[in-house]
Amino acid sequence: MLAATVEATGQDPEGLAELIGKSEHTRLLTATAMVGAASTAWPPKVYALGRALADGLIADGDQINIAPPPSWSPTELGERALEYYHLAAGDLGVPQASASGGG
C-alpha cells in the first residue's frame, strides 16, 4: 500500500514519512488506510487505498482531492449489487432462483 502512496505522491520514502507525520489528521488518515489494507487480501483494494492515502496526504487542509462517490440511494445501491451478482452468477453457470421465489 505504501508503495502505491509513494508512487502517487512522487515522494521518496523519507518524504512520505514527513507527509504522514505532518499532523494528527495525516497520522490518523494513514492509520485508517493501513488498517483497511491489512484487512484485505485483494491487491487492487490495497493499491486503491494507497492511492487514496496519497490524495489525503497531499490535500490542502482537510479537503481530499478525489471525486465524490455517486449519490445512489440504498435501494439503487442494492439493485446495482443484485445486478452484478446476477451477472457474475450467470457467467459462472450458477443456477438462479426465479423472481417468484419458486427456484
PDB file of N, CA and C in Angstrom:
ATOM      1  N   MET A   1       0.814  -1.176   0.000  1.00  0.00           N
ATOM      2  CA  MET A   1       0.000   0.000   0.000  1.00  0.00           C
ATOM      3  C   MET A   1       0.865   1.249   0.000  1.00  0.00           C
ATOM      4  N   LEU A   2       1.900   1.241   0.819  1.00  0.00           N
ATOM      5  CA  LEU A   2       2.759   2.421   0.886  1.00  0.00           C
ATOM      6  C   LEU A   2       3.541   2.631  -0.411  1.00  0.00           C
ATOM      7  N   ALA A   3       3.809   1.552  -1.144  1.00  0.00           N
ATOM      8  CA  ALA A   3       4.471   1.708  -2.435  1.00  0.00           C
ATOM      9  C   ALA A   3       3.578   2.487  -3.397  1.00  0.00           C
ATOM     10  N   ALA A   4       2.277   2.207  -3.375  1.00  0.00           N
ATOM     11  CA  ALA A   4       1.339   2.957  -4.215  1.00  0.00           C
ATOM     12  C   ALA A   4       1.258   4.410  -3.763  1.00  0.00           C
ATOM     13  N   THR A   5       1.359   4.643  -2.466  1.00  0.00           N
ATOM     14  CA  THR A   5       1.328   6.003  -1.929  1.00  0.00           C
ATOM     15  C   THR A   5       2.572   6.777  -2.360  1.00  0.00           C
ATOM     16  N   VAL A   6       3.726   6.129  -2.290  1.00  0.00           N
ATOM     17  CA  VAL A   6       4.976   6.763  -2.743  1.00  0.00           C
ATOM     18  C   VAL A   6       4.867   7.116  -4.220  1.00  0.00           C
ATOM     19  N   GLU A   7       4.383   6.178  -5.014  1.00  0.00           N
ATOM     20  CA  GLU A   7       4.233   6.404  -6.459  1.00  0.00           C
ATOM     21  C   GLU A   7       3.304   7.583  -6.749  1.00  0.00           C
ATOM     22  N   ALA A   8       2.169   7.624  -6.054  1.00  0.00           N
ATOM     23  CA  ALA A   8       1.168   8.670  -6.319  1.00  0.00           C
ATOM     24  C   ALA A   8       1.597  10.048  -5.831  1.00  0.00           C
ATOM     25  N   THR A   9       2.362  10.100  -4.760  1.00  0.00           N
ATOM     26  CA  THR A   9       2.787  11.404  -4.241  1.00  0.00           C
ATOM     27  C   THR A   9       4.048  11.905  -4.924  1.00  0.00           C
ATOM     28  N   GLY A  10       4.809  10.998  -5.520  1.00  0.00           N
ATOM     29  CA  GLY A  10       6.073  11.397  -6.128  1.00  0.00           C
ATOM     30  C   GLY A  10       7.171  11.634  -5.104  1.00  0.00           C
ATOM     31  N   GLN A  11       6.929  11.208  -3.886  1.00  0.00           N
ATOM     32  CA  GLN A  11       7.898  11.380  -2.798  1.00  0.00           C
ATOM     33  C   GLN A  11       8.775  10.142  -2.679  1.00  0.00           C
ATOM     34  N   ASP A  12       9.953  10.325  -2.110  1.00  0.00           N
ATOM     35  CA  ASP A  12      10.741   9.167  -1.715  1.00  0.00           C
ATOM     36  C   ASP A  12      10.214   8.726  -0.343  1.00  0.00           C
ATOM     37  N   PRO A  13      10.631   7.573   0.166  1.00  0.00           N
ATOM     38  CA  PRO A  13      10.103   7.115   1.456  1.00  0.00           C
ATOM     39  C   PRO A  13      10.288   8.120   2.595  1.00  0.00           C
ATOM     40  N   GLU A  14      11.403   8.849   2.606  1.00  0.00           N
ATOM     41  CA  GLU A  14      11.625   9.835   3.668  1.00  0.00           C
ATOM     42  C   GLU A  14      10.627  10.998   3.537  1.00  0.00           C
ATOM     43  N   GLY A  15      10.380  11.428   2.307  1.00  0.00           N
ATOM     44  CA  GLY A  15       9.401  12.489   2.072  1.00  0.00           C
ATOM     45  C   GLY A  15       7.998  12.049   2.457  1.00  0.00           C
ATOM     46  N   LEU A  16       7.679  10.771   2.183  1.00  0.00           N
ATOM     47  CA  LEU A  16       6.379  10.239   2.573  1.00  0.00           C
ATOM     48  C   LEU A  16       6.244  10.223   4.093  1.00  0.00           C
ATOM     49  N   ALA A  17       7.314   9.847   4.775  1.00  0.00           N
ATOM     50  CA  ALA A  17       7.294   9.841   6.245  1.00  0.00           C
ATOM     51  C   ALA A  17       7.010  11.245   6.783  1.00  0.00           C
ATOM     52  N   GLU A  18       7.573  12.257   6.139  1.00  0.00           N
ATOM     53  CA  GLU A  18       7.303  13.636   6.558  1.00  0.00           C
ATOM     54  C   GLU A  18       5.832  14.000   6.341  1.00  0.00           C
ATOM     55  N   LEU A  19       5.269  13.596   5.184  1.00  0.00           N
ATOM     56  CA  LEU A  19       3.855  13.870   4.926  1.00  0.00           C
ATOM     57  C   LEU A  19       2.960  13.177   5.953  1.00  0.00           C
ATOM     58  N   ILE A  20       3.294  11.941   6.274  1.00  0.00           N
ATOM     59  CA  ILE A  20       2.491  11.175   7.233  1.00  0.00           C
ATOM     60  C   ILE A  20       2.545  11.820   8.612  1.00  0.00           C
ATOM     61  N   GLY A  21       3.712  12.273   9.036  1.00  0.00           N
ATOM     62  CA  GLY A  21       3.876  12.848  10.373  1.00  0.00           C
ATOM     63  C   GLY A  21       3.525  14.318  10.478  1.00  0.00           C
ATOM     64  N   LYS A  22       3.002  14.901   9.407  1.00  0.00           N
ATOM     65  CA  LYS A  22       2.754  16.345   9.377  1.00  0.00           C
ATOM     66  C   LYS A  22       1.737  16.815  10.419  1.00  0.00           C
ATOM     67  N   SER A  23       0.718  16.020  10.687  1.00  0.00           N
ATOM     68  CA  SER A  23      -0.313  16.444  11.639  1.00  0.00           C
ATOM     69  C   SER A  23      -1.019  15.222  12.217  1.00  0.00           C
ATOM     70  N   GLU A  24      -1.846  15.470  13.195  1.00  0.00           N
ATOM     71  CA  GLU A  24      -2.644  14.383  13.763  1.00  0.00           C
ATOM     72  C   GLU A  24      -3.595  13.825  12.707  1.00  0.00           C
ATOM     73  N   HIS A  25      -4.121  14.706  11.877  1.00  0.00           N
ATOM     74  CA  HIS A  25      -5.037  14.289  10.804  1.00  0.00           C
ATOM     75  C   HIS A  25      -4.352  13.332   9.835  1.00  0.00           C
ATOM     76  N   THR A  26      -3.134  13.644   9.401  1.00  0.00           N
ATOM     77  CA  THR A  26      -2.439  12.788   8.439  1.00  0.00           C
ATOM     78  C   THR A  26      -2.026  11.460   9.076  1.00  0.00           C
ATOM     79  N   ARG A  27      -1.697  11.485  10.356  1.00  0.00           N
ATOM     80  CA  ARG A  27      -1.371  10.227  11.045  1.00  0.00           C
ATOM     81  C   ARG A  27      -2.604   9.345  11.177  1.00  0.00           C
ATOM     82  N   LEU A  28      -3.756   9.941  11.493  1.00  0.00           N
ATOM     83  CA  LEU A  28      -4.998   9.175  11.596  1.00  0.00           C
ATOM     84  C   LEU A  28      -5.407   8.630  10.229  1.00  0.00           C
ATOM     85  N   LEU A  29      -5.283   9.453   9.204  1.00  0.00           N
ATOM     86  CA  LEU A  29      -5.604   9.024   7.845  1.00  0.00           C
ATOM     87  C   LEU A  29      -4.739   7.827   7.438  1.00  0.00           C
ATOM     88  N   THR A  30      -3.459   7.898   7.764  1.00  0.00           N
ATOM     89  CA  THR A  30      -2.540   6.807   7.434  1.00  0.00           C
ATOM     90  C   THR A  30      -2.890   5.543   8.205  1.00  0.00           C
ATOM     91  N   ALA A  31      -3.165   5.689   9.477  1.00  0.00           N
ATOM     92  CA  ALA A  31      -3.527   4.519  10.294  1.00  0.00           C
ATOM     93  C   ALA A  31      -4.799   3.866   9.777  1.00  0.00           C
ATOM     94  N   THR A  32      -5.775   4.669   9.388  1.00  0.00           N
ATOM     95  CA  THR A  32      -7.032   4.137   8.869  1.00  0.00           C
ATOM     96  C   THR A  32      -6.796   3.370   7.569  1.00  0.00           C
ATOM     97  N   ALA A  33      -5.988   3.934   6.684  1.00  0.00           N
ATOM     98  CA  ALA A  33      -5.682   3.259   5.418  1.00  0.00           C
ATOM     99  C   ALA A  33      -4.918   1.964   5.662  1.00  0.00           C
ATOM    100  N   MET A  34      -4.004   1.970   6.626  1.00  0.00           N
ATOM    101  CA  MET A  34      -3.215   0.772   6.906  1.00  0.00           C
ATOM    102  C   MET A  34      -4.080  -0.345   7.483  1.00  0.00           C
ATOM    103  N   VAL A  35      -5.034   0.019   8.334  1.00  0.00           N
ATOM    104  CA  VAL A  35      -5.949  -0.996   8.878  1.00  0.00           C
ATOM    105  C   VAL A  35      -6.784  -1.593   7.750  1.00  0.00           C
ATOM    106  N   GLY A  36      -7.257  -0.733   6.843  1.00  0.00           N
ATOM    107  CA  GLY A  36      -8.029  -1.230   5.709  1.00  0.00           C
ATOM    108  C   GLY A  36      -7.216  -2.155   4.823  1.00  0.00           C
ATOM    109  N   ALA A  37      -5.969  -1.791   4.569  1.00  0.00           N
ATOM    110  CA  ALA A  37      -5.107  -2.620   3.731  1.00  0.00           C
ATOM    111  C   ALA A  37      -4.780  -3.948   4.409  1.00  0.00           C
ATOM    112  N   ALA A  38      -4.606  -3.911   5.727  1.00  0.00           N
ATOM    113  CA  ALA A  38      -4.277  -5.138   6.459  1.00  0.00           C
ATOM    114  C   ALA A  38      -5.456  -6.099   6.517  1.00  0.00           C
ATOM    115  N   SER A  39      -6.672  -5.578   6.347  1.00  0.00           N
ATOM    116  CA  SER A  39      -7.855  -6.429   6.472  1.00  0.00           C
ATOM    117  C   SER A  39      -8.331  -7.000   5.146  1.00  0.00           C
ATOM    118  N   THR A  40      -7.567  -6.826   4.076  1.00  0.00           N
ATOM    119  CA  THR A  40      -7.968  -7.384   2.788  1.00  0.00           C
ATOM    120  C   THR A  40      -6.810  -8.143   2.165  1.00  0.00           C
ATOM    121  N   ALA A  41      -7.148  -9.108   1.342  1.00  0.00           N
ATOM    122  CA  ALA A  41      -6.132  -9.833   0.591  1.00  0.00           C
ATOM    123  C   ALA A  41      -6.260  -9.537  -0.900  1.00  0.00           C
ATOM    124  N   TRP A  42      -7.105  -8.577  -1.254  1.00  0.00           N
ATOM    125  CA  TRP A  42      -7.355  -8.258  -2.658  1.00  0.00           C
ATOM    126  C   TRP A  42      -6.406  -7.154  -3.095  1.00  0.00           C
ATOM    127  N   PRO A  43      -5.393  -7.444  -3.895  1.00  0.00           N
ATOM    128  CA  PRO A  43      -4.384  -6.449  -4.266  1.00  0.00           C
ATOM    129  C   PRO A  43      -4.932  -5.144  -4.855  1.00  0.00           C
ATOM    130  N   PRO A  44      -5.969  -5.175  -5.722  1.00  0.00           N
ATOM    131  CA  PRO A  44      -6.468  -3.885  -6.224  1.00  0.00           C
ATOM    132  C   PRO A  44      -7.000  -2.965  -5.120  1.00  0.00           C
ATOM    133  N   LYS A  45      -7.567  -3.548  -4.066  1.00  0.00           N
ATOM    134  CA  LYS A  45      -8.055  -2.726  -2.964  1.00  0.00           C
ATOM    135  C   LYS A  45      -6.887  -2.118  -2.191  1.00  0.00           C
ATOM    136  N   VAL A  46      -5.847  -2.893  -1.977  1.00  0.00           N
ATOM    137  CA  VAL A  46      -4.665  -2.382  -1.277  1.00  0.00           C
ATOM    138  C   VAL A  46      -4.061  -1.222  -2.066  1.00  0.00           C
ATOM    139  N   TYR A  47      -3.955  -1.393  -3.383  1.00  0.00           N
ATOM    140  CA  TYR A  47      -3.407  -0.345  -4.238  1.00  0.00           C
ATOM    141  C   TYR A  47      -4.299   0.900  -4.193  1.00  0.00           C
ATOM    142  N   ALA A  48      -5.620   0.699  -4.268  1.00  0.00           N
ATOM    143  CA  ALA A  48      -6.557   1.832  -4.224  1.00  0.00           C
ATOM    144  C   ALA A  48      -6.458   2.568  -2.895  1.00  0.00           C
ATOM    145  N   LEU A  49      -6.285   1.856  -1.810  1.00  0.00           N
ATOM    146  CA  LEU A  49      -6.124   2.509  -0.507  1.00  0.00           C
ATOM    147  C   LEU A  49      -4.848   3.348  -0.474  1.00  0.00           C
ATOM    148  N   GLY A  50      -3.789   2.844  -1.088  1.00  0.00           N
ATOM    149  CA  GLY A  50      -2.542   3.611  -1.164  1.00  0.00           C
ATOM    150  C   GLY A  50      -2.721   4.891  -1.956  1.00  0.00           C
ATOM    151  N   ARG A  51      -3.453   4.802  -3.076  1.00  0.00           N
ATOM    152  CA  ARG A  51      -3.714   5.997  -3.895  1.00  0.00           C
ATOM    153  C   ARG A  51      -4.598   6.989  -3.133  1.00  0.00           C
ATOM    154  N   ALA A  52      -5.607   6.481  -2.437  1.00  0.00           N
ATOM    155  CA  ALA A  52      -6.486   7.361  -1.663  1.00  0.00           C
ATOM    156  C   ALA A  52      -5.709   8.032  -0.528  1.00  0.00           C
ATOM    157  N   LEU A  53      -4.821   7.286   0.102  1.00  0.00           N
ATOM    158  CA  LEU A  53      -3.982   7.864   1.153  1.00  0.00           C
ATOM    159  C   LEU A  53      -3.126   8.984   0.579  1.00  0.00           C
ATOM    160  N   ALA A  54      -2.562   8.760  -0.597  1.00  0.00           N
ATOM    161  CA  ALA A  54      -1.741   9.801  -1.238  1.00  0.00           C
ATOM    162  C   ALA A  54      -2.569  11.060  -1.460  1.00  0.00           C
ATOM    163  N   ASP A  55      -3.801  10.903  -1.953  1.00  0.00           N
ATOM    164  CA  ASP A  55      -4.673  12.066  -2.168  1.00  0.00           C
ATOM    165  C   ASP A  55      -4.912  12.811  -0.868  1.00  0.00           C
ATOM    166  N   GLY A  56      -5.105  12.074   0.211  1.00  0.00           N
ATOM    167  CA  GLY A  56      -5.333  12.707   1.502  1.00  0.00           C
ATOM    168  C   GLY A  56      -4.106  13.408   2.048  1.00  0.00           C
ATOM    169  N   LEU A  57      -2.941  12.815   1.819  1.00  0.00           N
ATOM    170  CA  LEU A  57      -1.708  13.397   2.352  1.00  0.00           C
ATOM    171  C   LEU A  57      -1.285  14.660   1.614  1.00  0.00           C
ATOM    172  N   ILE A  58      -1.578  14.749   0.324  1.00  0.00           N
ATOM    173  CA  ILE A  58      -1.154  15.925  -0.433  1.00  0.00           C
ATOM    174  C   ILE A  58      -2.245  16.982  -0.537  1.00  0.00           C
ATOM    175  N   ALA A  59      -3.396  16.722   0.080  1.00  0.00           N
ATOM    176  CA  ALA A  59      -4.506  17.680   0.049  1.00  0.00           C
ATOM    177  C   ALA A  59      -4.203  18.888   0.929  1.00  0.00           C
ATOM    178  N   ASP A  60      -4.803  20.012   0.576  1.00  0.00           N
ATOM    179  CA  ASP A  60      -4.694  21.212   1.407  1.00  0.00           C
ATOM    180  C   ASP A  60      -5.706  21.119   2.541  1.00  0.00           C
ATOM    181  N   GLY A  61      -5.241  21.220   3.763  1.00  0.00           N
ATOM    182  CA  GLY A  61      -6.148  21.161   4.908  1.00  0.00           C
ATOM    183  C   GLY A  61      -6.808  19.808   5.009  1.00  0.00           C
ATOM    184  N   ASP A  62      -8.100  19.816   5.284  1.00  0.00           N
ATOM    185  CA  ASP A  62      -8.849  18.573   5.429  1.00  0.00           C
ATOM    186  C   ASP A  62      -9.599  18.195   4.167  1.00  0.00           C
ATOM    187  N   GLN A  63      -9.353  18.904   3.071  1.00  0.00           N
ATOM    188  CA  GLN A  63     -10.054  18.632   1.818  1.00  0.00           C
ATOM    189  C   GLN A  63      -9.273  17.611   1.004  1.00  0.00           C
ATOM    190  N   ILE A  64      -9.872  16.463   0.767  1.00  0.00           N
ATOM    191  CA  ILE A  64      -9.232  15.421  -0.025  1.00  0.00           C
ATOM    192  C   ILE A  64      -9.616  15.628  -1.478  1.00  0.00           C
ATOM    193  N   ASN A  65      -8.644  15.531  -2.352  1.00  0.00           N
ATOM    194  CA  ASN A  65      -8.825  15.827  -3.763  1.00  0.00           C
ATOM    195  C   ASN A  65      -9.218  14.570  -4.548  1.00  0.00           C
ATOM    196  N   ILE A  66     -10.389  14.022  -4.250  1.00  0.00           N
ATOM    197  CA  ILE A  66     -10.894  12.878  -5.004  1.00  0.00           C
ATOM    198  C   ILE A  66     -12.337  13.144  -5.378  1.00  0.00           C
ATOM    199  N   ALA A  67     -12.793  12.492  -6.421  1.00  0.00           N
ATOM    200  CA  ALA A  67     -14.172  12.680  -6.866  1.00  0.00           C
ATOM    201  C   ALA A  67     -15.124  12.084  -5.842  1.00  0.00           C
ATOM    202  N   PRO A  68     -16.261  12.742  -5.607  1.00  0.00           N
ATOM    203  CA  PRO A  68     -17.225  12.185  -4.663  1.00  0.00           C
ATOM    204  C   PRO A  68     -17.856  10.917  -5.226  1.00  0.00           C
ATOM    205  N   PRO A  69     -18.272  10.012  -4.350  1.00  0.00           N
ATOM    206  CA  PRO A  69     -18.916   8.788  -4.832  1.00  0.00           C
ATOM    207  C   PRO A  69     -20.280   9.123  -5.421  1.00  0.00           C
ATOM    208  N   PRO A  70     -20.805   8.246  -6.260  1.00  0.00           N
ATOM    209  CA  PRO A  70     -22.143   8.501  -6.804  1.00  0.00           C
ATOM    210  C   PRO A  70     -23.165   8.571  -5.672  1.00  0.00           C
ATOM    211  N   SER A  71     -24.166   9.376  -5.839  1.00  0.00           N
ATOM    212  CA  SER A  71     -25.169   9.531  -4.773  1.00  0.00           C
ATOM    213  C   SER A  71     -26.339   8.593  -5.026  1.00  0.00           C
ATOM    214  N   TRP A  72     -26.093   7.302  -4.851  1.00  0.00           N
ATOM    215  CA  TRP A  72     -27.138   6.318  -5.016  1.00  0.00           C
ATOM    216  C   TRP A  72     -27.872   6.156  -3.699  1.00  0.00           C
ATOM    217  N   SER A  73     -29.157   5.965  -3.790  1.00  0.00           N
ATOM    218  CA  SER A  73     -29.931   5.658  -2.591  1.00  0.00           C
ATOM    219  C   SER A  73     -29.617   4.217  -2.195  1.00  0.00           C
ATOM    220  N   PRO A  74     -29.939   3.841  -0.957  1.00  0.00           N
ATOM    221  CA  PRO A  74     -29.709   2.448  -0.567  1.00  0.00           C
ATOM    222  C   PRO A  74     -30.427   1.463  -1.489  1.00  0.00           C
ATOM    223  N   THR A  75     -31.604   1.838  -1.971  1.00  0.00           N
ATOM    224  CA  THR A  75     -32.341   0.954  -2.876  1.00  0.00           C
ATOM    225  C   THR A  75     -31.588   0.788  -4.190  1.00  0.00           C
ATOM    226  N   GLU A  76     -31.113   1.906  -4.757  1.00  0.00           N
ATOM    227  CA  GLU A  76     -30.359   1.838  -6.009  1.00  0.00           C
ATOM    228  C   GLU A  76     -29.083   1.041  -5.829  1.00  0.00           C
ATOM    229  N   LEU A  77     -28.408   1.236  -4.692  1.00  0.00           N
ATOM    230  CA  LEU A  77     -27.181   0.510  -4.416  1.00  0.00           C
ATOM    231  C   LEU A  77     -27.460  -0.992  -4.349  1.00  0.00           C
ATOM    232  N   GLY A  78     -28.541  -1.358  -3.669  1.00  0.00           N
ATOM    233  CA  GLY A  78     -28.926  -2.769  -3.586  1.00  0.00           C
ATOM    234  C   GLY A  78     -29.260  -3.352  -4.940  1.00  0.00           C
ATOM    235  N   GLU A  79     -29.958  -2.577  -5.770  1.00  0.00           N
ATOM    236  CA  GLU A  79     -30.310  -3.043  -7.109  1.00  0.00           C
ATOM    237  C   GLU A  79     -29.059  -3.263  -7.945  1.00  0.00           C
ATOM    238  N   ARG A  80     -28.111  -2.344  -7.852  1.00  0.00           N
ATOM    239  CA  ARG A  80     -26.871  -2.485  -8.625  1.00  0.00           C
ATOM    240  C   ARG A  80     -26.074  -3.694  -8.138  1.00  0.00           C
ATOM    241  N   ALA A  81     -26.013  -3.902  -6.839  1.00  0.00           N
ATOM    242  CA  ALA A  81     -25.300  -5.065  -6.312  1.00  0.00           C
ATOM    243  C   ALA A  81     -25.957  -6.354  -6.791  1.00  0.00           C
ATOM    244  N   LEU A  82     -27.291  -6.371  -6.818  1.00  0.00           N
ATOM    245  CA  LEU A  82     -28.017  -7.543  -7.289  1.00  0.00           C
ATOM    246  C   LEU A  82     -27.756  -7.782  -8.771  1.00  0.00           C
ATOM    247  N   GLU A  83     -27.706  -6.705  -9.565  1.00  0.00           N
ATOM    248  CA  GLU A  83     -27.393  -6.839 -10.995  1.00  0.00           C
ATOM    249  C   GLU A  83     -26.019  -7.468 -11.179  1.00  0.00           C
ATOM    250  N   TYR A  84     -25.031  -7.003 -10.417  1.00  0.00           N
ATOM    251  CA  TYR A  84     -23.683  -7.546 -10.536  1.00  0.00           C
ATOM    252  C   TYR A  84     -23.641  -9.004 -10.094  1.00  0.00           C
ATOM    253  N   TYR A  85     -24.401  -9.331  -9.058  1.00  0.00           N
ATOM    254  CA  TYR A  85     -24.463 -10.714  -8.598  1.00  0.00           C
ATOM    255  C   TYR A  85     -25.006 -11.605  -9.708  1.00  0.00           C
ATOM    256  N   HIS A  86     -26.119 -11.160 -10.319  1.00  0.00           N
ATOM    257  CA  HIS A  86     -26.724 -11.961 -11.378  1.00  0.00           C
ATOM    258  C   HIS A  86     -25.799 -12.093 -12.582  1.00  0.00           C
ATOM    259  N   LEU A  87     -25.084 -11.018 -12.905  1.00  0.00           N
ATOM    260  CA  LEU A  87     -24.109 -11.101 -13.998  1.00  0.00           C
ATOM    261  C   LEU A  87     -23.034 -12.126 -13.682  1.00  0.00           C
ATOM    262  N   ALA A  88     -22.489 -12.050 -12.476  1.00  0.00           N
ATOM    263  CA  ALA A  88     -21.418 -12.969 -12.084  1.00  0.00           C
ATOM    264  C   ALA A  88     -21.930 -14.396 -12.014  1.00  0.00           C
ATOM    265  N   ALA A  89     -23.101 -14.578 -11.432  1.00  0.00           N
ATOM    266  CA  ALA A  89     -23.659 -15.919 -11.300  1.00  0.00           C
ATOM    267  C   ALA A  89     -23.935 -16.510 -12.677  1.00  0.00           C
ATOM    268  N   GLY A  90     -24.454 -15.691 -13.587  1.00  0.00           N
ATOM    269  CA  GLY A  90     -24.721 -16.172 -14.941  1.00  0.00           C
ATOM    270  C   GLY A  90     -23.445 -16.551 -15.659  1.00  0.00           C
ATOM    271  N   ASP A  91     -22.399 -15.763 -15.464  1.00  0.00           N
ATOM    272  CA  ASP A  91     -21.114 -16.048 -16.105  1.00  0.00           C
ATOM    273  C   ASP A  91     -20.495 -17.330 -15.566  1.00  0.00           C
ATOM    274  N   LEU A  92     -20.796 -17.661 -14.323  1.00  0.00           N
ATOM    275  CA  LEU A  92     -20.219 -18.847 -13.705  1.00  0.00           C
ATOM    276  C   LEU A  92     -21.095 -20.079 -13.878  1.00  0.00           C
ATOM    277  N   GLY A  93     -22.276 -19.895 -14.494  1.00  0.00           N
ATOM    278  CA  GLY A  93     -23.179 -21.021 -14.690  1.00  0.00           C
ATOM    279  C   GLY A  93     -23.913 -21.431 -13.430  1.00  0.00           C
ATOM    280  N   VAL A  94     -24.041 -20.531 -12.470  1.00  0.00           N
ATOM    281  CA  VAL A  94     -24.743 -20.823 -11.229  1.00  0.00           C
ATOM    282  C   VAL A  94     -26.239 -20.711 -11.472  1.00  0.00           C
ATOM    283  N   PRO A  95     -27.033 -21.737 -11.103  1.00  0.00           N
ATOM    284  CA  PRO A  95     -28.490 -21.628 -11.292  1.00  0.00           C
ATOM    285  C   PRO A  95     -29.042 -20.511 -10.430  1.00  0.00           C
ATOM    286  N   GLN A  96     -29.990 -19.754 -10.991  1.00  0.00           N
ATOM    287  CA  GLN A  96     -30.574 -18.625 -10.282  1.00  0.00           C
ATOM    288  C   GLN A  96     -32.042 -18.910  -9.977  1.00  0.00           C
ATOM    289  N   ALA A  97     -32.483 -18.486  -8.805  1.00  0.00           N
ATOM    290  CA  ALA A  97     -33.887 -18.648  -8.427  1.00  0.00           C
ATOM    291  C   ALA A  97     -34.713 -17.661  -9.245  1.00  0.00           C
ATOM    292  N   SER A  98     -35.960 -18.037  -9.493  1.00  0.00           N
ATOM    293  CA  SER A  98     -36.830 -17.138 -10.240  1.00  0.00           C
ATOM    294  C   SER A  98     -37.305 -16.020  -9.334  1.00  0.00           C
ATOM    295  N   ALA A  99     -37.811 -14.939  -9.935  1.00  0.00           N
ATOM    296  CA  ALA A  99     -38.277 -13.793  -9.182  1.00  0.00           C
ATOM    297  C   ALA A  99     -39.467 -14.147  -8.314  1.00  0.00           C
ATOM    298  N   SER A 100     -40.224 -15.177  -8.679  1.00  0.00           N
ATOM    299  CA  SER A 100     -41.390 -15.569  -7.891  1.00  0.00           C
ATOM    300  C   SER A 100     -41.019 -16.379  -6.665  1.00  0.00           C
ATOM    301  N   GLY A 101     -39.727 -16.688  -6.539  1.00  0.00           N
ATOM    302  CA  GLY A 101     -39.258 -17.430  -5.366  1.00  0.00           C
ATOM    303  C   GLY A 101     -39.409 -18.922  -5.515  1.00  0.00           C
ATOM    304  N   GLY A 102     -39.800 -19.377  -6.682  1.00  0.00           N
ATOM    305  CA  GLY A 102     -40.053 -20.802  -6.881  1.00  0.00           C
ATOM    306  C   GLY A 102     -38.860 -21.599  -7.340  1.00  0.00           C
ATOM    307  N   GLY A 103     -37.637 -21.047  -7.305  1.00  0.00           N
ATOM    308  CA  GLY A 103     -36.434 -21.798  -7.605  1.00  0.00           C
ATOM    309  C   GLY A 103     -36.381 -22.269  -8.953  1.00  0.00           C
TER     310      GLY A 103
END
